[in-house]
N, C-alpha and C. Protein backbone atom coordinates (compact mmCIF):
# COMPACT_ATOMS: atom_id res chain seq x y z
N MET A 1 -64.61 114.31 85.75
CA MET A 1 -65.13 113.12 86.42
C MET A 1 -66.16 112.45 85.51
N VAL A 2 -66.09 111.14 85.46
CA VAL A 2 -67.04 110.36 84.68
C VAL A 2 -67.71 109.41 85.65
N ASP A 3 -69.03 109.56 85.84
CA ASP A 3 -69.79 108.71 86.75
C ASP A 3 -69.13 108.60 88.12
N GLY A 4 -68.64 109.69 88.66
CA GLY A 4 -68.04 109.69 89.99
C GLY A 4 -66.62 109.17 90.05
N VAL A 5 -66.06 108.79 88.92
CA VAL A 5 -64.69 108.27 88.89
C VAL A 5 -63.83 109.28 88.15
N ALA A 6 -62.78 109.75 88.80
CA ALA A 6 -61.92 110.76 88.18
C ALA A 6 -61.25 110.17 86.95
N LYS A 7 -61.37 110.88 85.83
CA LYS A 7 -60.73 110.43 84.60
C LYS A 7 -59.22 110.65 84.75
N ASN A 8 -58.45 109.71 84.26
CA ASN A 8 -56.99 109.75 84.33
C ASN A 8 -56.49 109.82 85.77
N HIS A 9 -57.25 109.26 86.69
CA HIS A 9 -56.84 109.23 88.08
C HIS A 9 -55.70 108.24 88.26
N VAL A 10 -54.67 108.66 88.93
CA VAL A 10 -53.56 107.76 89.24
C VAL A 10 -53.41 107.76 90.74
N SER A 11 -53.33 106.58 91.33
CA SER A 11 -53.24 106.47 92.77
C SER A 11 -52.03 107.19 93.32
N LYS A 12 -52.15 107.65 94.55
CA LYS A 12 -51.06 108.38 95.20
C LYS A 12 -49.78 107.55 95.23
N PHE A 13 -49.91 106.27 95.49
CA PHE A 13 -48.70 105.45 95.58
C PHE A 13 -48.05 105.28 94.23
N CYS A 14 -48.82 105.26 93.15
CA CYS A 14 -48.21 105.15 91.83
C CYS A 14 -47.45 106.42 91.50
N ILE A 15 -48.00 107.56 91.91
CA ILE A 15 -47.29 108.82 91.70
C ILE A 15 -45.99 108.80 92.47
N PHE A 16 -46.05 108.37 93.73
CA PHE A 16 -44.84 108.32 94.54
C PHE A 16 -43.83 107.36 93.93
N LEU A 17 -44.28 106.16 93.57
CA LEU A 17 -43.36 105.17 93.03
C LEU A 17 -42.78 105.60 91.69
N SER A 18 -43.55 106.38 90.93
CA SER A 18 -43.04 106.82 89.64
C SER A 18 -41.96 107.88 89.77
N THR A 19 -41.84 108.49 90.95
CA THR A 19 -40.82 109.52 91.15
C THR A 19 -39.49 108.94 91.61
N ARG A 20 -39.46 107.64 91.92
CA ARG A 20 -38.20 107.04 92.35
C ARG A 20 -37.30 106.84 91.14
N PRO A 21 -36.01 106.70 91.36
CA PRO A 21 -35.09 106.50 90.23
C PRO A 21 -35.48 105.26 89.42
N ARG A 22 -35.32 105.34 88.12
CA ARG A 22 -35.66 104.23 87.24
C ARG A 22 -34.61 103.13 87.35
N GLY A 23 -35.03 101.96 86.93
CA GLY A 23 -34.12 100.82 86.96
C GLY A 23 -34.42 99.96 88.16
N ARG A 24 -33.95 98.76 88.11
CA ARG A 24 -34.22 97.82 89.18
C ARG A 24 -33.28 98.09 90.34
N PHE A 25 -33.84 98.27 91.50
CA PHE A 25 -33.05 98.42 92.70
C PHE A 25 -33.85 97.89 93.87
N ILE A 26 -33.15 97.40 94.83
CA ILE A 26 -33.79 96.96 96.06
C ILE A 26 -32.95 97.51 97.20
N LEU A 27 -33.60 98.27 98.05
CA LEU A 27 -32.91 98.85 99.20
C LEU A 27 -32.99 97.87 100.36
N GLN A 28 -32.09 96.95 100.41
CA GLN A 28 -32.09 95.98 101.49
C GLN A 28 -31.32 96.54 102.67
N PRO A 29 -31.94 96.57 103.86
CA PRO A 29 -31.18 97.00 105.02
C PRO A 29 -30.08 95.97 105.28
N GLU A 30 -28.90 96.45 105.70
CA GLU A 30 -27.81 95.51 105.95
C GLU A 30 -28.17 94.56 107.08
N THR A 31 -28.83 95.08 108.09
CA THR A 31 -29.35 94.23 109.15
C THR A 31 -30.81 94.60 109.33
N PRO A 32 -31.64 93.63 109.59
CA PRO A 32 -33.05 93.95 109.76
C PRO A 32 -33.24 94.93 110.91
N PRO A 33 -34.19 95.84 110.77
CA PRO A 33 -34.44 96.75 111.88
C PRO A 33 -34.90 95.99 113.10
N LYS A 34 -34.64 96.54 114.26
CA LYS A 34 -35.11 95.89 115.49
C LYS A 34 -36.62 95.94 115.50
N ARG A 35 -37.21 94.80 115.66
CA ARG A 35 -38.67 94.71 115.66
C ARG A 35 -39.11 93.92 116.88
N THR A 36 -40.38 93.99 117.16
CA THR A 36 -40.91 93.31 118.34
C THR A 36 -41.00 91.82 118.09
N LYS A 37 -41.06 91.09 119.15
CA LYS A 37 -41.23 89.64 119.06
C LYS A 37 -42.71 89.32 119.09
N MET A 38 -43.11 88.34 118.30
CA MET A 38 -44.49 87.90 118.29
C MET A 38 -44.45 86.38 118.29
N GLY A 39 -44.90 85.78 119.39
CA GLY A 39 -44.89 84.32 119.46
C GLY A 39 -43.49 83.75 119.34
N GLY A 40 -42.47 84.48 119.82
CA GLY A 40 -41.10 83.99 119.80
C GLY A 40 -40.38 84.20 118.48
N SER A 41 -41.05 84.65 117.46
CA SER A 41 -40.37 84.88 116.18
C SER A 41 -40.37 86.36 115.86
N ASN A 42 -39.41 86.79 115.14
CA ASN A 42 -39.26 88.19 114.76
C ASN A 42 -40.35 88.55 113.75
N VAL A 43 -41.15 89.58 114.06
CA VAL A 43 -42.27 89.96 113.18
C VAL A 43 -41.76 90.40 111.82
N TRP A 44 -40.66 91.12 111.80
CA TRP A 44 -40.10 91.58 110.53
C TRP A 44 -39.78 90.38 109.65
N GLN A 45 -39.10 89.39 110.22
CA GLN A 45 -38.73 88.20 109.45
C GLN A 45 -39.97 87.39 109.08
N GLU A 46 -40.94 87.34 109.97
CA GLU A 46 -42.18 86.62 109.67
C GLU A 46 -42.90 87.28 108.49
N GLN A 47 -42.90 88.60 108.47
CA GLN A 47 -43.52 89.32 107.36
C GLN A 47 -42.79 89.02 106.05
N ARG A 48 -41.46 89.06 106.09
CA ARG A 48 -40.68 88.77 104.88
C ARG A 48 -40.92 87.35 104.39
N ASN A 49 -41.01 86.40 105.30
CA ASN A 49 -41.28 85.01 104.91
C ASN A 49 -42.67 84.88 104.28
N PHE A 50 -43.64 85.59 104.85
CA PHE A 50 -44.99 85.56 104.30
C PHE A 50 -45.01 86.16 102.89
N VAL A 51 -44.35 87.28 102.72
CA VAL A 51 -44.28 87.92 101.40
C VAL A 51 -43.58 86.98 100.41
N LYS A 52 -42.53 86.32 100.85
CA LYS A 52 -41.83 85.37 99.97
C LYS A 52 -42.78 84.25 99.53
N SER A 53 -43.63 83.77 100.45
CA SER A 53 -44.58 82.71 100.07
C SER A 53 -45.60 83.24 99.06
N LEU A 54 -45.94 84.53 99.16
CA LEU A 54 -46.87 85.12 98.19
C LEU A 54 -46.21 85.25 96.82
N HIS A 55 -44.88 85.47 96.81
CA HIS A 55 -44.14 85.47 95.54
C HIS A 55 -44.23 84.08 94.90
N GLU A 56 -44.00 83.07 95.71
CA GLU A 56 -43.99 81.70 95.21
C GLU A 56 -45.35 81.30 94.64
N GLN A 57 -46.43 81.88 95.18
CA GLN A 57 -47.78 81.60 94.69
C GLN A 57 -48.14 82.49 93.50
N GLY A 58 -47.28 83.46 93.19
CA GLY A 58 -47.54 84.36 92.08
C GLY A 58 -48.47 85.51 92.42
N ILE A 59 -48.85 85.65 93.68
CA ILE A 59 -49.77 86.70 94.10
C ILE A 59 -49.07 88.05 94.08
N LEU A 60 -47.85 88.11 94.59
CA LEU A 60 -47.05 89.33 94.61
C LEU A 60 -45.80 89.15 93.76
N ASP A 61 -45.22 90.30 93.38
CA ASP A 61 -43.93 90.27 92.70
C ASP A 61 -42.96 91.21 93.42
N SER A 62 -41.81 91.43 92.83
CA SER A 62 -40.75 92.19 93.50
C SER A 62 -41.09 93.66 93.75
N HIS A 63 -42.09 94.20 93.07
CA HIS A 63 -42.48 95.59 93.32
C HIS A 63 -42.90 95.79 94.78
N PHE A 64 -43.56 94.79 95.35
CA PHE A 64 -43.98 94.93 96.74
C PHE A 64 -42.76 94.91 97.67
N ASP A 65 -41.75 94.12 97.35
CA ASP A 65 -40.51 94.12 98.14
C ASP A 65 -39.88 95.50 98.13
N GLU A 66 -39.88 96.13 96.97
CA GLU A 66 -39.32 97.47 96.85
C GLU A 66 -40.06 98.45 97.75
N ILE A 67 -41.37 98.30 97.82
CA ILE A 67 -42.17 99.17 98.69
C ILE A 67 -41.78 98.95 100.15
N LEU A 68 -41.66 97.69 100.55
CA LEU A 68 -41.29 97.39 101.93
C LEU A 68 -39.90 97.92 102.27
N ASP A 69 -39.03 97.97 101.27
CA ASP A 69 -37.64 98.37 101.50
C ASP A 69 -37.40 99.87 101.36
N LEU A 70 -38.39 100.62 100.90
CA LEU A 70 -38.20 102.06 100.76
C LEU A 70 -38.02 102.72 102.13
N PRO A 71 -37.14 103.74 102.19
CA PRO A 71 -37.03 104.49 103.45
C PRO A 71 -38.38 105.12 103.76
N ARG A 72 -38.73 105.12 105.02
CA ARG A 72 -40.06 105.59 105.42
C ARG A 72 -39.98 106.88 106.22
N GLU A 73 -40.71 107.88 105.74
CA GLU A 73 -40.84 109.10 106.52
C GLU A 73 -41.83 108.90 107.65
N SER A 74 -42.75 107.98 107.46
CA SER A 74 -43.79 107.70 108.43
C SER A 74 -43.85 106.20 108.67
N PRO A 75 -44.04 105.79 109.93
CA PRO A 75 -44.19 104.36 110.18
C PRO A 75 -45.45 103.78 109.53
N GLN A 76 -46.41 104.63 109.20
CA GLN A 76 -47.67 104.23 108.59
C GLN A 76 -47.59 104.10 107.08
N PHE A 77 -46.41 104.31 106.50
CA PHE A 77 -46.25 104.39 105.05
C PHE A 77 -46.88 103.20 104.32
N VAL A 78 -46.52 101.99 104.68
CA VAL A 78 -47.02 100.81 103.98
C VAL A 78 -48.52 100.68 104.20
N ILE A 79 -48.97 100.95 105.41
CA ILE A 79 -50.40 100.87 105.71
C ILE A 79 -51.18 101.85 104.85
N ASP A 80 -50.69 103.09 104.77
CA ASP A 80 -51.36 104.11 103.97
C ASP A 80 -51.37 103.74 102.49
N LEU A 81 -50.24 103.24 102.01
CA LEU A 81 -50.10 102.87 100.61
C LEU A 81 -51.07 101.76 100.22
N VAL A 82 -51.10 100.71 101.01
CA VAL A 82 -51.98 99.58 100.73
C VAL A 82 -53.44 99.98 100.87
N SER A 83 -53.75 100.79 101.86
CA SER A 83 -55.13 101.25 102.04
C SER A 83 -55.59 102.08 100.85
N THR A 84 -54.71 102.94 100.35
CA THR A 84 -55.04 103.74 99.17
C THR A 84 -55.28 102.83 97.97
N PHE A 85 -54.40 101.86 97.78
CA PHE A 85 -54.57 100.92 96.68
C PHE A 85 -55.92 100.21 96.78
N CYS A 86 -56.25 99.69 97.94
CA CYS A 86 -57.50 98.94 98.11
C CYS A 86 -58.71 99.82 97.84
N SER A 87 -58.68 101.03 98.34
CA SER A 87 -59.79 101.97 98.10
C SER A 87 -59.93 102.26 96.60
N ASP A 88 -58.82 102.55 95.95
CA ASP A 88 -58.84 102.82 94.51
C ASP A 88 -59.31 101.61 93.72
N ALA A 89 -58.83 100.43 94.10
CA ALA A 89 -59.21 99.20 93.38
C ALA A 89 -60.71 98.93 93.53
N GLU A 90 -61.23 99.10 94.73
CA GLU A 90 -62.66 98.87 94.94
C GLU A 90 -63.51 99.84 94.12
N ASN A 91 -63.08 101.10 94.08
CA ASN A 91 -63.79 102.09 93.26
C ASN A 91 -63.72 101.74 91.78
N ALA A 92 -62.55 101.31 91.33
CA ALA A 92 -62.38 100.96 89.92
C ALA A 92 -63.22 99.74 89.55
N ILE A 93 -63.24 98.75 90.41
CA ILE A 93 -64.04 97.55 90.14
C ILE A 93 -65.52 97.89 90.11
N ALA A 94 -65.96 98.74 91.03
CA ALA A 94 -67.37 99.16 91.03
C ALA A 94 -67.71 99.89 89.72
N ALA A 95 -66.80 100.74 89.26
CA ALA A 95 -67.02 101.44 87.99
C ALA A 95 -67.07 100.46 86.83
N LEU A 96 -66.18 99.47 86.83
CA LEU A 96 -66.18 98.47 85.75
C LEU A 96 -67.49 97.70 85.72
N ILE A 97 -68.00 97.36 86.88
CA ILE A 97 -69.28 96.65 86.95
C ILE A 97 -70.39 97.50 86.33
N ARG A 98 -70.41 98.78 86.70
CA ARG A 98 -71.42 99.70 86.12
C ARG A 98 -71.27 99.79 84.61
N TYR A 99 -70.04 100.00 84.16
CA TYR A 99 -69.80 100.18 82.73
C TYR A 99 -70.20 98.95 81.93
N LEU A 100 -69.87 97.76 82.45
CA LEU A 100 -70.15 96.54 81.70
C LEU A 100 -71.62 96.12 81.79
N ASN A 101 -72.37 96.72 82.68
CA ASN A 101 -73.80 96.43 82.77
C ASN A 101 -74.66 97.42 82.00
N GLU A 102 -74.02 98.37 81.35
CA GLU A 102 -74.78 99.32 80.53
C GLU A 102 -75.24 98.61 79.26
N PRO A 103 -76.40 99.00 78.74
CA PRO A 103 -76.90 98.33 77.52
C PRO A 103 -75.99 98.55 76.31
N ASP A 104 -75.41 99.75 76.21
CA ASP A 104 -74.50 100.06 75.11
C ASP A 104 -73.13 100.36 75.73
N ILE A 105 -72.26 99.37 75.77
CA ILE A 105 -70.98 99.49 76.48
C ILE A 105 -70.01 100.38 75.71
N ASN A 106 -69.45 101.33 76.41
CA ASN A 106 -68.39 102.18 75.86
C ASN A 106 -67.06 101.50 76.21
N TYR A 107 -66.58 100.66 75.30
CA TYR A 107 -65.39 99.86 75.59
C TYR A 107 -64.14 100.70 75.81
N SER A 108 -64.05 101.85 75.18
CA SER A 108 -62.85 102.67 75.40
C SER A 108 -62.84 103.20 76.84
N ARG A 109 -64.00 103.51 77.40
CA ARG A 109 -64.07 103.94 78.80
C ARG A 109 -63.72 102.77 79.72
N VAL A 110 -64.18 101.58 79.39
CA VAL A 110 -63.85 100.40 80.19
C VAL A 110 -62.34 100.15 80.14
N ILE A 111 -61.76 100.25 78.95
CA ILE A 111 -60.31 100.03 78.80
C ILE A 111 -59.53 101.06 79.61
N ASP A 112 -59.97 102.32 79.61
CA ASP A 112 -59.30 103.34 80.44
C ASP A 112 -59.30 102.94 81.90
N GLN A 113 -60.45 102.48 82.39
CA GLN A 113 -60.56 102.07 83.80
C GLN A 113 -59.69 100.84 84.07
N VAL A 114 -59.71 99.89 83.15
CA VAL A 114 -58.89 98.68 83.32
C VAL A 114 -57.41 99.05 83.34
N HIS A 115 -57.03 99.97 82.47
CA HIS A 115 -55.63 100.42 82.43
C HIS A 115 -55.22 101.00 83.78
N GLN A 116 -56.09 101.79 84.39
CA GLN A 116 -55.77 102.38 85.69
C GLN A 116 -55.61 101.32 86.77
N ILE A 117 -56.52 100.38 86.83
CA ILE A 117 -56.46 99.36 87.88
C ILE A 117 -55.29 98.41 87.64
N ARG A 118 -55.00 98.13 86.38
CA ARG A 118 -53.84 97.27 86.09
C ARG A 118 -52.55 97.99 86.49
N GLY A 119 -52.45 99.28 86.17
CA GLY A 119 -51.27 100.04 86.56
C GLY A 119 -51.09 100.08 88.06
N ALA A 120 -52.17 100.29 88.78
CA ALA A 120 -52.11 100.32 90.24
C ALA A 120 -51.68 98.96 90.78
N SER A 121 -52.22 97.89 90.22
CA SER A 121 -51.86 96.54 90.64
C SER A 121 -50.38 96.27 90.40
N SER A 122 -49.90 96.69 89.25
CA SER A 122 -48.48 96.51 88.93
C SER A 122 -47.60 97.32 89.86
N CYS A 123 -47.99 98.56 90.13
CA CYS A 123 -47.19 99.43 91.01
C CYS A 123 -47.01 98.83 92.39
N ILE A 124 -48.05 98.21 92.90
CA ILE A 124 -47.98 97.70 94.26
C ILE A 124 -47.49 96.25 94.31
N GLY A 125 -47.31 95.64 93.15
CA GLY A 125 -46.78 94.28 93.11
C GLY A 125 -47.83 93.20 93.07
N GLY A 126 -49.07 93.54 92.77
CA GLY A 126 -50.15 92.56 92.68
C GLY A 126 -50.11 91.83 91.35
N HIS A 127 -49.21 90.87 91.24
CA HIS A 127 -48.91 90.20 89.98
C HIS A 127 -50.13 89.52 89.35
N ARG A 128 -50.78 88.65 90.11
CA ARG A 128 -51.92 87.90 89.53
C ARG A 128 -53.08 88.83 89.21
N MET A 129 -53.28 89.85 90.01
CA MET A 129 -54.36 90.79 89.72
C MET A 129 -54.06 91.55 88.44
N ALA A 130 -52.80 91.95 88.26
CA ALA A 130 -52.42 92.65 87.03
C ALA A 130 -52.62 91.75 85.81
N LEU A 131 -52.32 90.47 85.95
CA LEU A 131 -52.55 89.52 84.84
C LEU A 131 -54.04 89.38 84.52
N ALA A 132 -54.86 89.35 85.55
CA ALA A 132 -56.31 89.25 85.34
C ALA A 132 -56.82 90.51 84.63
N CYS A 133 -56.28 91.66 85.01
CA CYS A 133 -56.66 92.91 84.35
C CYS A 133 -56.25 92.90 82.88
N ARG A 134 -55.10 92.31 82.60
CA ARG A 134 -54.64 92.23 81.21
C ARG A 134 -55.63 91.42 80.37
N GLU A 135 -56.12 90.31 80.93
CA GLU A 135 -57.10 89.50 80.22
C GLU A 135 -58.40 90.28 80.00
N LEU A 136 -58.77 91.09 80.99
CA LEU A 136 -59.96 91.92 80.85
C LEU A 136 -59.77 92.95 79.73
N ARG A 137 -58.59 93.51 79.67
CA ARG A 137 -58.34 94.47 78.60
C ARG A 137 -58.42 93.81 77.22
N TYR A 138 -57.84 92.62 77.08
CA TYR A 138 -57.92 91.92 75.80
C TYR A 138 -59.37 91.66 75.40
N ALA A 139 -60.19 91.26 76.38
CA ALA A 139 -61.60 91.01 76.10
C ALA A 139 -62.31 92.29 75.67
N CYS A 140 -61.94 93.40 76.30
CA CYS A 140 -62.53 94.70 75.94
C CYS A 140 -62.10 95.11 74.53
N GLU A 141 -60.84 94.89 74.21
CA GLU A 141 -60.37 95.24 72.87
C GLU A 141 -61.12 94.44 71.80
N ASP A 142 -61.49 93.19 72.14
CA ASP A 142 -62.26 92.36 71.22
C ASP A 142 -63.76 92.66 71.28
N LYS A 143 -64.15 93.52 72.22
CA LYS A 143 -65.56 93.90 72.42
C LYS A 143 -66.44 92.68 72.62
N ASP A 144 -65.93 91.76 73.44
CA ASP A 144 -66.63 90.52 73.76
C ASP A 144 -67.17 90.63 75.18
N LYS A 145 -68.45 90.97 75.28
CA LYS A 145 -69.06 91.23 76.59
C LYS A 145 -68.98 90.02 77.52
N ASP A 146 -69.27 88.83 77.01
CA ASP A 146 -69.22 87.63 77.86
C ASP A 146 -67.81 87.40 78.41
N ARG A 147 -66.82 87.53 77.55
CA ARG A 147 -65.43 87.38 78.00
C ARG A 147 -65.06 88.48 78.98
N CYS A 148 -65.56 89.69 78.75
CA CYS A 148 -65.31 90.81 79.67
C CYS A 148 -65.85 90.49 81.05
N LEU A 149 -67.08 90.00 81.10
CA LEU A 149 -67.70 89.68 82.39
C LEU A 149 -66.95 88.56 83.10
N ALA A 150 -66.50 87.56 82.34
CA ALA A 150 -65.73 86.47 82.95
C ALA A 150 -64.38 86.99 83.46
N ALA A 151 -63.73 87.84 82.67
CA ALA A 151 -62.44 88.40 83.08
C ALA A 151 -62.60 89.35 84.26
N LEU A 152 -63.71 90.08 84.30
CA LEU A 152 -63.98 90.95 85.45
C LEU A 152 -64.16 90.10 86.70
N GLY A 153 -64.85 88.98 86.56
CA GLY A 153 -65.01 88.06 87.70
C GLY A 153 -63.66 87.59 88.22
N LYS A 154 -62.77 87.25 87.30
CA LYS A 154 -61.42 86.81 87.68
C LYS A 154 -60.65 87.95 88.35
N THR A 155 -60.79 89.16 87.82
CA THR A 155 -60.12 90.34 88.41
C THR A 155 -60.63 90.56 89.83
N LYS A 156 -61.95 90.47 90.01
CA LYS A 156 -62.52 90.65 91.36
C LYS A 156 -62.01 89.57 92.31
N ASP A 157 -61.95 88.33 91.84
CA ASP A 157 -61.45 87.23 92.68
C ASP A 157 -60.00 87.48 93.07
N GLU A 158 -59.17 87.86 92.11
CA GLU A 158 -57.76 88.11 92.41
C GLU A 158 -57.60 89.31 93.35
N TYR A 159 -58.46 90.30 93.21
CA TYR A 159 -58.42 91.43 94.14
C TYR A 159 -58.75 90.97 95.56
N GLN A 160 -59.77 90.13 95.71
CA GLN A 160 -60.14 89.66 97.04
C GLN A 160 -59.01 88.86 97.68
N ILE A 161 -58.35 88.03 96.91
CA ILE A 161 -57.21 87.27 97.43
C ILE A 161 -56.10 88.23 97.85
N LEU A 162 -55.78 89.18 96.99
CA LEU A 162 -54.73 90.15 97.29
C LEU A 162 -55.08 90.96 98.53
N LYS A 163 -56.32 91.39 98.63
CA LYS A 163 -56.75 92.18 99.79
C LYS A 163 -56.61 91.37 101.09
N GLU A 164 -57.00 90.10 101.05
CA GLU A 164 -56.85 89.24 102.24
C GLU A 164 -55.39 89.13 102.66
N LYS A 165 -54.51 88.95 101.69
CA LYS A 165 -53.08 88.83 102.00
C LYS A 165 -52.52 90.16 102.51
N PHE A 166 -52.96 91.26 101.90
CA PHE A 166 -52.53 92.57 102.38
C PHE A 166 -52.99 92.81 103.81
N ASN A 167 -54.19 92.36 104.16
CA ASN A 167 -54.67 92.53 105.53
C ASN A 167 -53.74 91.84 106.53
N ILE A 168 -53.23 90.68 106.17
CA ILE A 168 -52.29 89.96 107.04
C ILE A 168 -50.99 90.75 107.16
N ILE A 169 -50.49 91.22 106.03
CA ILE A 169 -49.25 92.01 106.04
C ILE A 169 -49.43 93.28 106.87
N LEU A 170 -50.57 93.93 106.73
CA LEU A 170 -50.81 95.17 107.48
C LEU A 170 -50.94 94.90 108.98
N GLN A 171 -51.49 93.77 109.34
CA GLN A 171 -51.54 93.43 110.76
C GLN A 171 -50.12 93.28 111.31
N MET A 172 -49.24 92.70 110.54
CA MET A 172 -47.84 92.58 110.96
C MET A 172 -47.20 93.97 111.07
N GLU A 173 -47.50 94.85 110.11
CA GLU A 173 -46.99 96.23 110.16
C GLU A 173 -47.46 96.92 111.43
N ARG A 174 -48.74 96.77 111.75
CA ARG A 174 -49.29 97.40 112.96
C ARG A 174 -48.62 96.86 114.22
N THR A 175 -48.35 95.56 114.22
CA THR A 175 -47.67 94.95 115.37
C THR A 175 -46.28 95.53 115.53
N MET A 176 -45.56 95.70 114.40
CA MET A 176 -44.22 96.28 114.47
C MET A 176 -44.27 97.73 114.94
N ILE A 177 -45.23 98.49 114.42
CA ILE A 177 -45.36 99.90 114.81
C ILE A 177 -45.71 99.99 116.29
N SER A 178 -46.61 99.15 116.74
CA SER A 178 -47.01 99.15 118.15
C SER A 178 -45.83 98.82 119.05
N GLY A 179 -45.04 97.83 118.65
CA GLY A 179 -43.85 97.47 119.43
C GLY A 179 -42.83 98.58 119.48
N GLU A 180 -42.66 99.29 118.36
CA GLU A 180 -41.70 100.39 118.33
C GLU A 180 -42.17 101.55 119.19
N SER A 181 -43.47 101.84 119.20
CA SER A 181 -43.96 102.94 120.01
C SER A 181 -43.90 102.59 121.49
N LYS A 182 -44.12 101.32 121.84
CA LYS A 182 -44.00 100.90 123.24
C LYS A 182 -42.55 101.03 123.70
N ARG A 183 -41.60 100.63 122.84
CA ARG A 183 -40.19 100.73 123.20
C ARG A 183 -39.78 102.19 123.37
N GLY A 184 -40.36 103.06 122.54
CA GLY A 184 -40.04 104.48 122.60
C GLY A 184 -40.51 105.13 123.90
N ARG A 185 -41.57 104.58 124.50
CA ARG A 185 -42.10 105.14 125.75
C ARG A 185 -41.37 104.62 126.97
N GLN A 186 -40.58 103.59 126.81
CA GLN A 186 -39.91 103.00 127.98
C GLN A 186 -38.68 103.79 128.36
């Protein structure tokens, strides 16, 4: 552990995603699963439309679709995955802030942390956040503190946007789970 941050830590979801077969695949259900109605529209379809709009904005990429399409052992799968990502990202950003505020910056340690957060962002489909992390890494490689701080600011901003969008997606997940459990009790 370095300053409370596990060295070479890889998020649980990245480990899980790395164990899936290599190559591009999308497990599309032939018919959408039965989901509850919310305001007259199908929550499952509403979630897919929202995710599609996030693709169009460049916030998410196809990796997140793959996560949504994976067979689930638990109805909480997506919620747990996103929550783990957010927790890991917040810890990584806090570590980066500490590292970049040190009087004598250890850029290789900063690059290690950036590599972890960029990998996590890529695994979960956080396209713009991963791009911001890439810019932070380039600034670190150049050992340009001002550029690092600016790129860290951009990374934090992209994380906040991604987190807000994930919160909306997770609310839809909870609505679907709630509807399924209510149907199961009837």
